[in-house]
Amino acid sequence: KWVKGMVEGQDQERNGIAKEIHDGIERALAGIKLELSQYNSELKSKKIENIVSQMALAFANLRLISHNLSLNYLKEKNMENLLLELKEEYEKRGEFKMEIVVYPKEALNELRDTIKHQIYRVLQELLNNVSKHAKANAIFLNFTKHDDFLNIIMEDDGCGFDKNAKNGIGLNNITERLSSIESIFNIESSIGRGTIITIDIPISQLWYYDYN
């Protein structure tokens, strides 16, 4: 209960930050961008045009950050769309390719909002770690629904790391989130051989009703 409460507190804090970004910084940037565009409609300045383009990119990035932090944004999206957005985000930046396999195809349908949220945040954190540390070219992400649990495997072809140091690269928060939904979390990694992460989430945690 203590872990669950702490995780929920962190999520509410994220949601508050997302709202502040949306209501304050995003609107301010949008106003400045519009004003510059209107001002430049007569001047036709290439420098101002470049500034407007840079602001548009900054605005898009800020919007993405706000959406990623927002609980409401996650509720509005199904898990499949959220996964595709993560894939597109990293591939568009040219960081690594992602292959996503879900079996059976409907395995992620009708996840409880709280579970969908926790899975998404965990994947965000794992992908962020790969981006920062792994130097990977490709990631394979697999979801398989068994009778008693949902199995998630994430494998990268990066540089790997010393398992004894795993708590020092941002995985504590992942462990806390998975503990709050009674999941089993395992890491297999070694220097130069990439990393395989396995997560097993009990069926009883996942859906509005029991499939068994």
N, C-alpha and C. Protein backbone atom coordinates (compact mmCIF):
# COMPACT_ATOMS: atom_id res chain seq x y z
N LYS A 1 0.83 -1.20 0.00
CA LYS A 1 0.00 0.00 0.00
C LYS A 1 0.86 1.25 0.00
N TRP A 2 1.96 1.22 0.75
CA TRP A 2 2.86 2.38 0.81
C TRP A 2 3.46 2.66 -0.56
N VAL A 3 3.90 1.59 -1.26
CA VAL A 3 4.49 1.74 -2.58
C VAL A 3 3.44 2.27 -3.56
N LYS A 4 2.24 1.71 -3.52
CA LYS A 4 1.17 2.13 -4.41
C LYS A 4 0.84 3.60 -4.19
N GLY A 5 0.77 4.02 -2.92
CA GLY A 5 0.49 5.41 -2.60
C GLY A 5 1.57 6.34 -3.10
N MET A 6 2.82 5.92 -2.98
CA MET A 6 3.94 6.74 -3.43
C MET A 6 3.90 6.89 -4.95
N VAL A 7 3.63 5.80 -5.67
CA VAL A 7 3.56 5.85 -7.13
C VAL A 7 2.41 6.75 -7.58
N GLU A 8 1.26 6.63 -6.92
CA GLU A 8 0.12 7.47 -7.26
C GLU A 8 0.44 8.94 -7.02
N GLY A 9 1.18 9.21 -5.95
CA GLY A 9 1.59 10.59 -5.65
C GLY A 9 2.49 11.14 -6.74
N GLN A 10 3.43 10.34 -7.22
CA GLN A 10 4.32 10.76 -8.30
C GLN A 10 3.52 11.05 -9.57
N ASP A 11 2.52 10.21 -9.83
CA ASP A 11 1.72 10.40 -11.04
C ASP A 11 0.88 11.68 -10.97
N GLN A 12 0.34 11.97 -9.79
CA GLN A 12 -0.43 13.21 -9.62
C GLN A 12 0.47 14.42 -9.80
N GLU A 13 1.71 14.30 -9.32
CA GLU A 13 2.67 15.39 -9.49
C GLU A 13 2.98 15.60 -10.98
N ARG A 14 3.17 14.51 -11.72
CA ARG A 14 3.40 14.60 -13.16
C ARG A 14 2.21 15.28 -13.85
N ASN A 15 1.01 14.88 -13.44
CA ASN A 15 -0.19 15.44 -14.05
C ASN A 15 -0.28 16.94 -13.80
N GLY A 16 0.11 17.36 -12.59
CA GLY A 16 0.11 18.78 -12.27
C GLY A 16 1.11 19.56 -13.12
N ILE A 17 2.29 18.97 -13.34
CA ILE A 17 3.30 19.62 -14.18
C ILE A 17 2.80 19.73 -15.61
N ALA A 18 2.16 18.66 -16.10
CA ALA A 18 1.61 18.67 -17.47
C ALA A 18 0.59 19.79 -17.63
N LYS A 19 -0.25 19.98 -16.62
CA LYS A 19 -1.27 21.04 -16.68
C LYS A 19 -0.62 22.42 -16.69
N GLU A 20 0.42 22.60 -15.88
CA GLU A 20 1.13 23.88 -15.85
C GLU A 20 1.78 24.17 -17.20
N ILE A 21 2.37 23.15 -17.81
CA ILE A 21 2.99 23.32 -19.13
C ILE A 21 1.95 23.73 -20.15
N HIS A 22 0.81 23.01 -20.13
CA HIS A 22 -0.25 23.28 -21.11
C HIS A 22 -0.87 24.65 -20.92
N ASP A 23 -1.22 24.97 -19.68
CA ASP A 23 -1.94 26.23 -19.41
C ASP A 23 -1.02 27.45 -19.46
N GLY A 24 0.26 27.25 -19.15
CA GLY A 24 1.17 28.39 -19.09
C GLY A 24 2.11 28.49 -20.26
N ILE A 25 3.12 27.62 -20.29
CA ILE A 25 4.20 27.76 -21.26
C ILE A 25 3.71 27.53 -22.69
N GLU A 26 2.89 26.49 -22.92
CA GLU A 26 2.42 26.20 -24.28
C GLU A 26 1.64 27.38 -24.85
N ARG A 27 0.72 27.93 -24.05
CA ARG A 27 -0.10 29.04 -24.54
C ARG A 27 0.74 30.28 -24.78
N ALA A 28 1.72 30.52 -23.92
CA ALA A 28 2.60 31.68 -24.10
C ALA A 28 3.39 31.54 -25.40
N LEU A 29 3.96 30.36 -25.65
CA LEU A 29 4.73 30.13 -26.88
C LEU A 29 3.85 30.26 -28.11
N ALA A 30 2.63 29.73 -28.03
CA ALA A 30 1.71 29.81 -29.17
C ALA A 30 1.38 31.26 -29.50
N GLY A 31 1.20 32.07 -28.45
CA GLY A 31 0.91 33.50 -28.65
C GLY A 31 2.07 34.24 -29.29
N ILE A 32 3.28 33.97 -28.80
CA ILE A 32 4.48 34.62 -29.35
C ILE A 32 4.69 34.20 -30.81
N LYS A 33 4.52 32.92 -31.08
CA LYS A 33 4.69 32.40 -32.45
C LYS A 33 3.70 33.07 -33.40
N LEU A 34 2.45 33.19 -32.98
CA LEU A 34 1.42 33.83 -33.81
C LEU A 34 1.76 35.29 -34.06
N GLU A 35 2.18 35.99 -33.00
CA GLU A 35 2.53 37.41 -33.13
C GLU A 35 3.70 37.62 -34.09
N LEU A 36 4.72 36.77 -33.98
CA LEU A 36 5.87 36.87 -34.88
C LEU A 36 5.46 36.60 -36.33
N SER A 37 4.60 35.61 -36.53
CA SER A 37 4.15 35.28 -37.89
C SER A 37 3.39 36.44 -38.51
N GLN A 38 2.53 37.06 -37.71
CA GLN A 38 1.76 38.20 -38.20
C GLN A 38 2.68 39.39 -38.50
N TYR A 39 3.64 39.62 -37.63
CA TYR A 39 4.60 40.71 -37.81
C TYR A 39 5.42 40.50 -39.07
N ASN A 40 5.73 39.23 -39.36
CA ASN A 40 6.59 38.91 -40.50
C ASN A 40 5.81 38.83 -41.82
N SER A 41 4.49 38.87 -41.75
CA SER A 41 3.71 38.83 -42.98
C SER A 41 3.98 40.03 -43.87
N GLU A 42 4.43 41.15 -43.27
CA GLU A 42 4.79 42.35 -44.02
C GLU A 42 6.29 42.43 -44.26
N LEU A 43 7.09 42.06 -43.23
CA LEU A 43 8.55 42.20 -43.35
C LEU A 43 9.18 41.17 -44.29
N LYS A 44 8.60 39.95 -44.33
CA LYS A 44 9.14 38.85 -45.13
C LYS A 44 10.61 38.55 -44.78
N SER A 45 10.93 38.59 -43.49
CA SER A 45 12.30 38.37 -43.05
C SER A 45 12.59 36.87 -42.93
N LYS A 46 13.68 36.43 -43.57
CA LYS A 46 14.07 35.02 -43.48
C LYS A 46 14.50 34.65 -42.07
N LYS A 47 15.16 35.58 -41.38
CA LYS A 47 15.60 35.33 -40.01
C LYS A 47 14.41 35.09 -39.09
N ILE A 48 13.40 35.95 -39.20
CA ILE A 48 12.20 35.77 -38.37
C ILE A 48 11.48 34.48 -38.75
N GLU A 49 11.46 34.18 -40.04
CA GLU A 49 10.83 32.93 -40.50
C GLU A 49 11.53 31.72 -39.89
N ASN A 50 12.86 31.76 -39.81
CA ASN A 50 13.62 30.66 -39.19
C ASN A 50 13.32 30.56 -37.70
N ILE A 51 13.19 31.73 -37.05
CA ILE A 51 12.87 31.74 -35.61
C ILE A 51 11.50 31.12 -35.37
N VAL A 52 10.54 31.47 -36.23
CA VAL A 52 9.18 30.91 -36.11
C VAL A 52 9.22 29.39 -36.29
N SER A 53 10.03 28.91 -37.25
CA SER A 53 10.15 27.47 -37.48
C SER A 53 10.76 26.77 -36.28
N GLN A 54 11.78 27.39 -35.68
CA GLN A 54 12.42 26.82 -34.48
C GLN A 54 11.45 26.80 -33.30
N MET A 55 10.63 27.86 -33.19
CA MET A 55 9.63 27.89 -32.12
C MET A 55 8.57 26.82 -32.32
N ALA A 56 8.21 26.58 -33.59
CA ALA A 56 7.22 25.54 -33.88
C ALA A 56 7.74 24.17 -33.45
N LEU A 57 9.04 23.92 -33.69
CA LEU A 57 9.65 22.65 -33.27
C LEU A 57 9.70 22.55 -31.75
N ALA A 58 10.10 23.64 -31.08
CA ALA A 58 10.14 23.66 -29.61
C ALA A 58 8.74 23.44 -29.04
N PHE A 59 7.73 24.07 -29.67
CA PHE A 59 6.34 23.94 -29.24
C PHE A 59 5.88 22.48 -29.36
N ALA A 60 6.24 21.84 -30.48
CA ALA A 60 5.85 20.44 -30.70
C ALA A 60 6.49 19.52 -29.66
N ASN A 61 7.77 19.77 -29.35
CA ASN A 61 8.47 18.96 -28.35
C ASN A 61 7.87 19.15 -26.97
N LEU A 62 7.53 20.40 -26.65
CA LEU A 62 6.92 20.70 -25.35
C LEU A 62 5.56 20.05 -25.23
N ARG A 63 4.83 20.05 -26.32
CA ARG A 63 3.50 19.42 -26.34
C ARG A 63 3.62 17.92 -26.10
N LEU A 64 4.64 17.31 -26.71
CA LEU A 64 4.88 15.88 -26.52
C LEU A 64 5.20 15.58 -25.06
N ILE A 65 6.04 16.41 -24.45
CA ILE A 65 6.38 16.23 -23.03
C ILE A 65 5.13 16.35 -22.18
N SER A 66 4.31 17.35 -22.46
CA SER A 66 3.06 17.55 -21.70
C SER A 66 2.14 16.35 -21.82
N HIS A 67 2.00 15.83 -23.04
CA HIS A 67 1.14 14.66 -23.26
C HIS A 67 1.67 13.44 -22.52
N ASN A 68 2.99 13.26 -22.56
CA ASN A 68 3.60 12.10 -21.91
C ASN A 68 3.43 12.14 -20.40
N LEU A 69 3.33 13.34 -19.84
CA LEU A 69 3.16 13.47 -18.39
C LEU A 69 1.70 13.38 -17.95
N SER A 70 0.78 13.65 -18.87
CA SER A 70 -0.63 13.81 -18.51
C SER A 70 -1.36 12.48 -18.34
N LEU A 71 -2.06 12.34 -17.21
CA LEU A 71 -2.90 11.15 -16.99
C LEU A 71 -4.09 11.15 -17.93
N ASN A 72 -4.69 12.32 -18.17
CA ASN A 72 -5.86 12.40 -19.02
C ASN A 72 -5.54 11.98 -20.46
N TYR A 73 -4.36 12.38 -20.94
CA TYR A 73 -3.95 12.01 -22.29
C TYR A 73 -3.83 10.50 -22.42
N LEU A 74 -3.29 9.84 -21.39
CA LEU A 74 -3.15 8.39 -21.44
C LEU A 74 -4.51 7.71 -21.42
N LYS A 75 -5.46 8.26 -20.69
CA LYS A 75 -6.79 7.66 -20.61
C LYS A 75 -7.50 7.70 -21.95
N GLU A 76 -7.22 8.73 -22.72
CA GLU A 76 -7.90 8.91 -24.00
C GLU A 76 -7.37 7.98 -25.09
N LYS A 77 -6.18 7.40 -24.89
CA LYS A 77 -5.55 6.56 -25.91
C LYS A 77 -5.60 5.09 -25.50
N ASN A 78 -5.76 4.19 -26.50
CA ASN A 78 -5.63 2.78 -26.18
C ASN A 78 -4.15 2.40 -26.20
N MET A 79 -3.83 1.24 -25.66
CA MET A 79 -2.43 0.84 -25.49
C MET A 79 -1.73 0.71 -26.84
N GLU A 80 -2.43 0.22 -27.84
CA GLU A 80 -1.82 0.05 -29.16
C GLU A 80 -1.34 1.39 -29.72
N ASN A 81 -2.18 2.41 -29.62
CA ASN A 81 -1.80 3.74 -30.13
C ASN A 81 -0.65 4.34 -29.34
N LEU A 82 -0.65 4.14 -28.02
CA LEU A 82 0.44 4.66 -27.19
C LEU A 82 1.77 4.02 -27.58
N LEU A 83 1.74 2.71 -27.84
CA LEU A 83 2.96 2.01 -28.25
C LEU A 83 3.47 2.51 -29.59
N LEU A 84 2.55 2.72 -30.53
CA LEU A 84 2.94 3.21 -31.85
C LEU A 84 3.51 4.62 -31.77
N GLU A 85 2.98 5.43 -30.86
CA GLU A 85 3.52 6.78 -30.68
C GLU A 85 4.94 6.74 -30.11
N LEU A 86 5.18 5.83 -29.16
CA LEU A 86 6.54 5.67 -28.63
C LEU A 86 7.50 5.24 -29.73
N LYS A 87 7.07 4.28 -30.53
CA LYS A 87 7.88 3.78 -31.65
C LYS A 87 8.21 4.91 -32.61
N GLU A 88 7.18 5.68 -32.99
CA GLU A 88 7.37 6.78 -33.93
C GLU A 88 8.30 7.85 -33.36
N GLU A 89 8.15 8.12 -32.05
CA GLU A 89 8.96 9.15 -31.41
C GLU A 89 10.45 8.84 -31.52
N TYR A 90 10.85 7.60 -31.21
CA TYR A 90 12.26 7.24 -31.24
C TYR A 90 12.78 7.04 -32.66
N GLU A 91 11.96 6.46 -33.53
CA GLU A 91 12.40 6.24 -34.90
C GLU A 91 12.53 7.55 -35.67
N LYS A 92 11.64 8.50 -35.40
CA LYS A 92 11.71 9.81 -36.07
C LYS A 92 12.99 10.54 -35.71
N ARG A 93 13.45 10.34 -34.48
CA ARG A 93 14.70 10.97 -34.05
C ARG A 93 15.93 10.18 -34.51
N GLY A 94 15.69 9.02 -35.12
CA GLY A 94 16.79 8.21 -35.63
C GLY A 94 17.60 7.51 -34.54
N GLU A 95 16.98 7.28 -33.37
CA GLU A 95 17.72 6.66 -32.26
C GLU A 95 17.85 5.15 -32.42
N PHE A 96 16.73 4.48 -32.66
CA PHE A 96 16.75 3.04 -32.89
C PHE A 96 15.42 2.62 -33.53
N LYS A 97 15.44 1.47 -34.18
CA LYS A 97 14.23 0.88 -34.75
C LYS A 97 13.52 0.05 -33.69
N MET A 98 12.19 0.01 -33.76
CA MET A 98 11.42 -0.78 -32.80
C MET A 98 10.48 -1.73 -33.54
N GLU A 99 10.50 -2.99 -33.11
CA GLU A 99 9.52 -3.97 -33.59
C GLU A 99 8.62 -4.34 -32.43
N ILE A 100 7.31 -4.24 -32.64
CA ILE A 100 6.34 -4.53 -31.58
C ILE A 100 5.45 -5.69 -32.01
N VAL A 101 5.39 -6.73 -31.20
CA VAL A 101 4.54 -7.90 -31.48
C VAL A 101 3.60 -8.12 -30.30
N VAL A 102 2.31 -8.28 -30.59
CA VAL A 102 1.30 -8.54 -29.56
C VAL A 102 0.58 -9.83 -29.91
N TYR A 103 0.56 -10.79 -28.96
CA TYR A 103 -0.11 -12.08 -29.21
C TYR A 103 -0.93 -12.51 -27.98
N PRO A 104 -2.20 -12.86 -28.23
CA PRO A 104 -2.95 -12.65 -29.47
C PRO A 104 -3.16 -11.15 -29.74
N LYS A 105 -3.65 -10.79 -30.91
CA LYS A 105 -3.72 -9.39 -31.33
C LYS A 105 -4.52 -8.54 -30.36
N GLU A 106 -5.52 -9.17 -29.71
CA GLU A 106 -6.38 -8.42 -28.79
C GLU A 106 -5.88 -8.45 -27.34
N ALA A 107 -4.64 -8.90 -27.13
CA ALA A 107 -4.13 -9.10 -25.77
C ALA A 107 -4.11 -7.83 -24.93
N LEU A 108 -3.99 -6.67 -25.58
CA LEU A 108 -3.90 -5.42 -24.82
C LEU A 108 -5.21 -4.63 -24.83
N ASN A 109 -6.26 -5.25 -25.39
CA ASN A 109 -7.56 -4.58 -25.37
C ASN A 109 -8.15 -4.55 -23.97
N GLU A 110 -8.82 -3.47 -23.66
CA GLU A 110 -9.59 -3.34 -22.41
C GLU A 110 -8.77 -3.47 -21.14
N LEU A 111 -7.53 -3.01 -21.20
CA LEU A 111 -6.74 -2.92 -19.97
C LEU A 111 -7.37 -1.88 -19.05
N ARG A 112 -7.33 -2.14 -17.75
CA ARG A 112 -7.76 -1.11 -16.81
C ARG A 112 -6.89 0.13 -16.98
N ASP A 113 -7.46 1.31 -16.82
CA ASP A 113 -6.71 2.55 -17.03
C ASP A 113 -5.46 2.60 -16.15
N THR A 114 -5.59 2.17 -14.90
CA THR A 114 -4.45 2.25 -13.99
C THR A 114 -3.32 1.32 -14.44
N ILE A 115 -3.66 0.15 -14.97
CA ILE A 115 -2.64 -0.80 -15.43
C ILE A 115 -2.02 -0.31 -16.74
N LYS A 116 -2.85 0.16 -17.66
CA LYS A 116 -2.35 0.73 -18.91
C LYS A 116 -1.35 1.85 -18.61
N HIS A 117 -1.70 2.67 -17.64
CA HIS A 117 -0.85 3.79 -17.25
C HIS A 117 0.48 3.31 -16.70
N GLN A 118 0.46 2.31 -15.81
CA GLN A 118 1.70 1.81 -15.22
C GLN A 118 2.58 1.14 -16.27
N ILE A 119 1.99 0.34 -17.17
CA ILE A 119 2.77 -0.31 -18.23
C ILE A 119 3.42 0.75 -19.12
N TYR A 120 2.66 1.76 -19.48
CA TYR A 120 3.19 2.81 -20.35
C TYR A 120 4.34 3.56 -19.69
N ARG A 121 4.18 3.91 -18.41
CA ARG A 121 5.24 4.64 -17.71
C ARG A 121 6.51 3.77 -17.58
N VAL A 122 6.32 2.49 -17.34
CA VAL A 122 7.47 1.58 -17.24
C VAL A 122 8.20 1.51 -18.59
N LEU A 123 7.45 1.37 -19.67
CA LEU A 123 8.06 1.31 -20.99
C LEU A 123 8.76 2.62 -21.34
N GLN A 124 8.15 3.73 -20.97
CA GLN A 124 8.79 5.03 -21.15
C GLN A 124 10.17 5.06 -20.48
N GLU A 125 10.19 4.62 -19.23
CA GLU A 125 11.43 4.65 -18.46
C GLU A 125 12.47 3.70 -19.05
N LEU A 126 12.04 2.51 -19.45
CA LEU A 126 12.97 1.54 -20.05
C LEU A 126 13.56 2.06 -21.36
N LEU A 127 12.70 2.63 -22.21
CA LEU A 127 13.17 3.17 -23.48
C LEU A 127 14.10 4.36 -23.28
N ASN A 128 13.79 5.15 -22.28
CA ASN A 128 14.65 6.29 -21.95
C ASN A 128 16.04 5.80 -21.52
N ASN A 129 16.08 4.72 -20.74
CA ASN A 129 17.36 4.13 -20.32
C ASN A 129 18.15 3.62 -21.53
N VAL A 130 17.44 2.96 -22.45
CA VAL A 130 18.10 2.48 -23.67
C VAL A 130 18.68 3.66 -24.45
N SER A 131 17.87 4.71 -24.57
CA SER A 131 18.30 5.90 -25.31
C SER A 131 19.55 6.53 -24.70
N LYS A 132 19.60 6.58 -23.37
CA LYS A 132 20.71 7.24 -22.69
C LYS A 132 21.97 6.38 -22.61
N HIS A 133 21.79 5.06 -22.43
CA HIS A 133 22.93 4.23 -22.05
C HIS A 133 23.31 3.11 -23.02
N ALA A 134 22.34 2.58 -23.77
CA ALA A 134 22.56 1.29 -24.43
C ALA A 134 23.27 1.36 -25.79
N LYS A 135 23.18 2.51 -26.46
CA LYS A 135 23.75 2.64 -27.82
C LYS A 135 23.19 1.55 -28.74
N ALA A 136 21.89 1.32 -28.63
CA ALA A 136 21.25 0.25 -29.39
C ALA A 136 20.82 0.72 -30.77
N ASN A 137 20.76 -0.21 -31.71
CA ASN A 137 20.23 0.07 -33.05
C ASN A 137 18.79 -0.43 -33.21
N ALA A 138 18.43 -1.43 -32.42
CA ALA A 138 17.10 -2.02 -32.56
C ALA A 138 16.57 -2.52 -31.22
N ILE A 139 15.24 -2.45 -31.08
CA ILE A 139 14.55 -2.95 -29.89
C ILE A 139 13.40 -3.85 -30.34
N PHE A 140 13.28 -4.99 -29.69
CA PHE A 140 12.17 -5.91 -29.92
C PHE A 140 11.29 -5.91 -28.68
N LEU A 141 10.00 -5.59 -28.86
CA LEU A 141 9.06 -5.52 -27.74
C LEU A 141 7.93 -6.49 -27.99
N ASN A 142 7.77 -7.46 -27.09
CA ASN A 142 6.80 -8.53 -27.28
C ASN A 142 5.84 -8.62 -26.09
N PHE A 143 4.54 -8.72 -26.41
CA PHE A 143 3.49 -8.91 -25.40
C PHE A 143 2.78 -10.22 -25.69
N THR A 144 2.72 -11.12 -24.70
CA THR A 144 2.03 -12.40 -24.87
C THR A 144 1.11 -12.65 -23.69
N LYS A 145 -0.18 -12.86 -23.98
CA LYS A 145 -1.14 -13.16 -22.90
C LYS A 145 -1.21 -14.66 -22.67
N HIS A 146 -0.85 -15.10 -21.49
CA HIS A 146 -0.98 -16.49 -21.07
C HIS A 146 -2.24 -16.63 -20.22
N ASP A 147 -2.52 -17.81 -19.76
CA ASP A 147 -3.73 -18.03 -18.95
C ASP A 147 -3.69 -17.24 -17.65
N ASP A 148 -2.53 -17.16 -17.03
CA ASP A 148 -2.44 -16.57 -15.70
C ASP A 148 -1.73 -15.22 -15.66
N PHE A 149 -1.06 -14.83 -16.73
CA PHE A 149 -0.31 -13.58 -16.69
C PHE A 149 -0.07 -13.02 -18.09
N LEU A 150 0.21 -11.73 -18.13
CA LEU A 150 0.65 -11.08 -19.35
C LEU A 150 2.17 -10.96 -19.29
N ASN A 151 2.83 -11.51 -20.29
CA ASN A 151 4.29 -11.48 -20.35
C ASN A 151 4.75 -10.37 -21.30
N ILE A 152 5.66 -9.54 -20.83
CA ILE A 152 6.26 -8.48 -21.65
C ILE A 152 7.76 -8.72 -21.72
N ILE A 153 8.30 -8.76 -22.92
CA ILE A 153 9.75 -8.91 -23.11
C ILE A 153 10.26 -7.74 -23.94
N MET A 154 11.27 -7.07 -23.44
CA MET A 154 11.92 -6.01 -24.21
C MET A 154 13.39 -6.36 -24.37
N GLU A 155 13.84 -6.49 -25.61
CA GLU A 155 15.22 -6.88 -25.89
C GLU A 155 15.88 -5.82 -26.76
N ASP A 156 17.10 -5.42 -26.41
CA ASP A 156 17.84 -4.48 -27.25
C ASP A 156 19.19 -5.09 -27.63
N ASP A 157 19.78 -4.54 -28.70
CA ASP A 157 21.07 -5.03 -29.18
C ASP A 157 22.21 -4.08 -28.79
N GLY A 158 22.03 -3.40 -27.66
CA GLY A 158 23.00 -2.40 -27.22
C GLY A 158 24.21 -2.97 -26.51
N CYS A 159 24.88 -2.09 -25.77
CA CYS A 159 26.16 -2.45 -25.15
C CYS A 159 26.02 -3.22 -23.85
N GLY A 160 24.79 -3.33 -23.32
CA GLY A 160 24.60 -4.05 -22.06
C GLY A 160 25.17 -3.29 -20.87
N PHE A 161 25.02 -3.85 -19.69
CA PHE A 161 25.56 -3.22 -18.48
C PHE A 161 25.75 -4.26 -17.38
N ASP A 162 26.45 -3.85 -16.35
CA ASP A 162 26.68 -4.72 -15.19
C ASP A 162 25.40 -4.78 -14.37
N LYS A 163 24.83 -5.97 -14.25
CA LYS A 163 23.56 -6.12 -13.50
C LYS A 163 23.66 -5.65 -12.07
N ASN A 164 24.83 -5.73 -11.48
CA ASN A 164 25.00 -5.30 -10.09
C ASN A 164 24.83 -3.79 -9.94
N ALA A 165 24.90 -3.06 -11.08
CA ALA A 165 24.76 -1.61 -11.03
C ALA A 165 23.39 -1.14 -11.53
N LYS A 166 22.47 -2.07 -11.71
CA LYS A 166 21.20 -1.73 -12.36
C LYS A 166 20.39 -0.69 -11.60
N ASN A 167 20.47 -0.67 -10.27
CA ASN A 167 19.70 0.31 -9.52
C ASN A 167 20.24 1.71 -9.67
N GLY A 168 21.45 1.81 -10.24
CA GLY A 168 22.05 3.13 -10.40
C GLY A 168 21.71 3.79 -11.71
N ILE A 169 20.91 3.16 -12.59
CA ILE A 169 20.60 3.77 -13.88
C ILE A 169 19.10 3.99 -14.05
N GLY A 170 18.43 4.35 -12.99
CA GLY A 170 17.04 4.78 -13.08
C GLY A 170 16.00 3.69 -13.06
N LEU A 171 16.32 2.50 -12.56
CA LEU A 171 15.35 1.40 -12.56
C LEU A 171 14.58 1.28 -11.25
N ASN A 172 14.94 2.06 -10.26
CA ASN A 172 14.20 1.98 -8.99
C ASN A 172 12.73 2.32 -9.17
N ASN A 173 12.46 3.37 -9.95
CA ASN A 173 11.08 3.78 -10.17
C ASN A 173 10.28 2.71 -10.89
N ILE A 174 10.93 2.01 -11.82
CA ILE A 174 10.28 0.91 -12.54
C ILE A 174 9.90 -0.21 -11.56
N THR A 175 10.84 -0.55 -10.69
CA THR A 175 10.60 -1.61 -9.70
C THR A 175 9.43 -1.25 -8.80
N GLU A 176 9.35 0.01 -8.39
CA GLU A 176 8.25 0.46 -7.52
C GLU A 176 6.92 0.37 -8.24
N ARG A 177 6.88 0.80 -9.50
CA ARG A 177 5.63 0.75 -10.26
C ARG A 177 5.15 -0.70 -10.43
N LEU A 178 6.07 -1.58 -10.78
CA LEU A 178 5.69 -2.97 -11.01
C LEU A 178 5.31 -3.67 -9.72
N SER A 179 5.96 -3.28 -8.64
CA SER A 179 5.61 -3.84 -7.33
C SER A 179 4.18 -3.44 -6.95
N SER A 180 3.77 -2.24 -7.34
CA SER A 180 2.42 -1.75 -6.99
C SER A 180 1.32 -2.54 -7.70
N ILE A 181 1.67 -3.25 -8.80
CA ILE A 181 0.68 -4.08 -9.49
C ILE A 181 1.07 -5.56 -9.44
N GLU A 182 1.87 -5.92 -8.42
CA GLU A 182 2.19 -7.31 -8.10
C GLU A 182 2.88 -8.05 -9.25
N SER A 183 3.75 -7.35 -9.96
CA SER A 183 4.41 -7.95 -11.13
C SER A 183 5.80 -8.48 -10.80
N ILE A 184 6.26 -9.40 -11.64
CA ILE A 184 7.61 -9.96 -11.53
C ILE A 184 8.48 -9.31 -12.60
N PHE A 185 9.66 -8.86 -12.21
CA PHE A 185 10.54 -8.08 -13.07
C PHE A 185 11.92 -8.72 -13.07
N ASN A 186 12.45 -9.00 -14.27
CA ASN A 186 13.77 -9.63 -14.35
C ASN A 186 14.60 -8.99 -15.46
N ILE A 187 15.92 -8.87 -15.20
CA ILE A 187 16.85 -8.31 -16.18
C ILE A 187 17.96 -9.30 -16.46
N GLU A 188 18.23 -9.53 -17.74
CA GLU A 188 19.39 -10.32 -18.15
C GLU A 188 20.26 -9.43 -19.02
N SER A 189 21.47 -9.12 -18.56
CA SER A 189 22.34 -8.24 -19.32
C SER A 189 23.80 -8.53 -19.00
N SER A 190 24.64 -8.27 -19.98
CA SER A 190 26.09 -8.36 -19.76
C SER A 190 26.77 -7.40 -20.74
N ILE A 191 27.93 -6.95 -20.37
CA ILE A 191 28.65 -5.97 -21.17
C ILE A 191 28.86 -6.50 -22.60
N GLY A 192 28.43 -5.70 -23.58
CA GLY A 192 28.64 -6.04 -24.99
C GLY A 192 27.62 -6.98 -25.59
N ARG A 193 26.62 -7.42 -24.82
CA ARG A 193 25.67 -8.42 -25.33
C ARG A 193 24.22 -7.98 -25.27
N GLY A 194 23.98 -6.71 -25.04
CA GLY A 194 22.60 -6.23 -25.00
C GLY A 194 21.88 -6.61 -23.71
N THR A 195 20.58 -6.32 -23.69
CA THR A 195 19.78 -6.52 -22.48
C THR A 195 18.43 -7.12 -22.82
N ILE A 196 17.98 -8.05 -22.01
CA ILE A 196 16.62 -8.61 -22.11
C ILE A 196 15.90 -8.36 -20.80
N ILE A 197 14.76 -7.69 -20.88
CA ILE A 197 13.96 -7.40 -19.69
C ILE A 197 12.64 -8.14 -19.81
N THR A 198 12.28 -8.85 -18.74
CA THR A 198 11.04 -9.62 -18.71
C THR A 198 10.15 -9.14 -17.58
N ILE A 199 8.86 -8.94 -17.91
CA ILE A 199 7.87 -8.51 -16.92
C ILE A 199 6.67 -9.45 -17.01
N ASP A 200 6.25 -9.98 -15.90
CA ASP A 200 5.04 -10.81 -15.83
C ASP A 200 4.02 -10.14 -14.92
N ILE A 201 2.86 -9.81 -15.49
CA ILE A 201 1.80 -9.14 -14.74
C ILE A 201 0.63 -10.10 -14.58
N PRO A 202 0.19 -10.37 -13.34
CA PRO A 202 -0.92 -11.31 -13.14
C PRO A 202 -2.19 -10.89 -13.87
N ILE A 203 -2.89 -11.85 -14.45
CA ILE A 203 -4.14 -11.58 -15.17
C ILE A 203 -5.13 -10.83 -14.27
N SER A 204 -5.14 -11.17 -13.00
CA SER A 204 -6.09 -10.56 -12.08
C SER A 204 -5.92 -9.04 -11.97
N GLN A 205 -4.74 -8.52 -12.35
CA GLN A 205 -4.48 -7.08 -12.28
C GLN A 205 -4.92 -6.33 -13.53
N LEU A 206 -5.18 -7.05 -14.62
CA LEU A 206 -5.19 -6.40 -15.92
C LEU A 206 -6.52 -5.85 -16.40
N TRP A 207 -7.59 -6.64 -16.30
CA TRP A 207 -8.80 -6.27 -17.00
C TRP A 207 -9.96 -5.97 -16.07
N TYR A 208 -10.98 -5.35 -16.66
CA TYR A 208 -12.19 -5.05 -15.91
C TYR A 208 -12.90 -6.34 -15.50
N TYR A 209 -12.72 -7.39 -16.28
CA TYR A 209 -13.29 -8.68 -15.93
C TYR A 209 -12.25 -9.76 -16.13
N ASP A 210 -12.50 -10.92 -15.59
CA ASP A 210 -11.53 -12.03 -15.61
C ASP A 210 -11.81 -12.89 -16.84
N TYR A 211 -10.75 -13.16 -17.63
CA TYR A 211 -10.90 -13.99 -18.81
C TYR A 211 -10.97 -15.47 -18.49
N ASN A 212 -10.55 -15.86 -17.28
CA ASN A 212 -10.50 -17.30 -16.95
C ASN A 212 -11.88 -17.84 -16.61
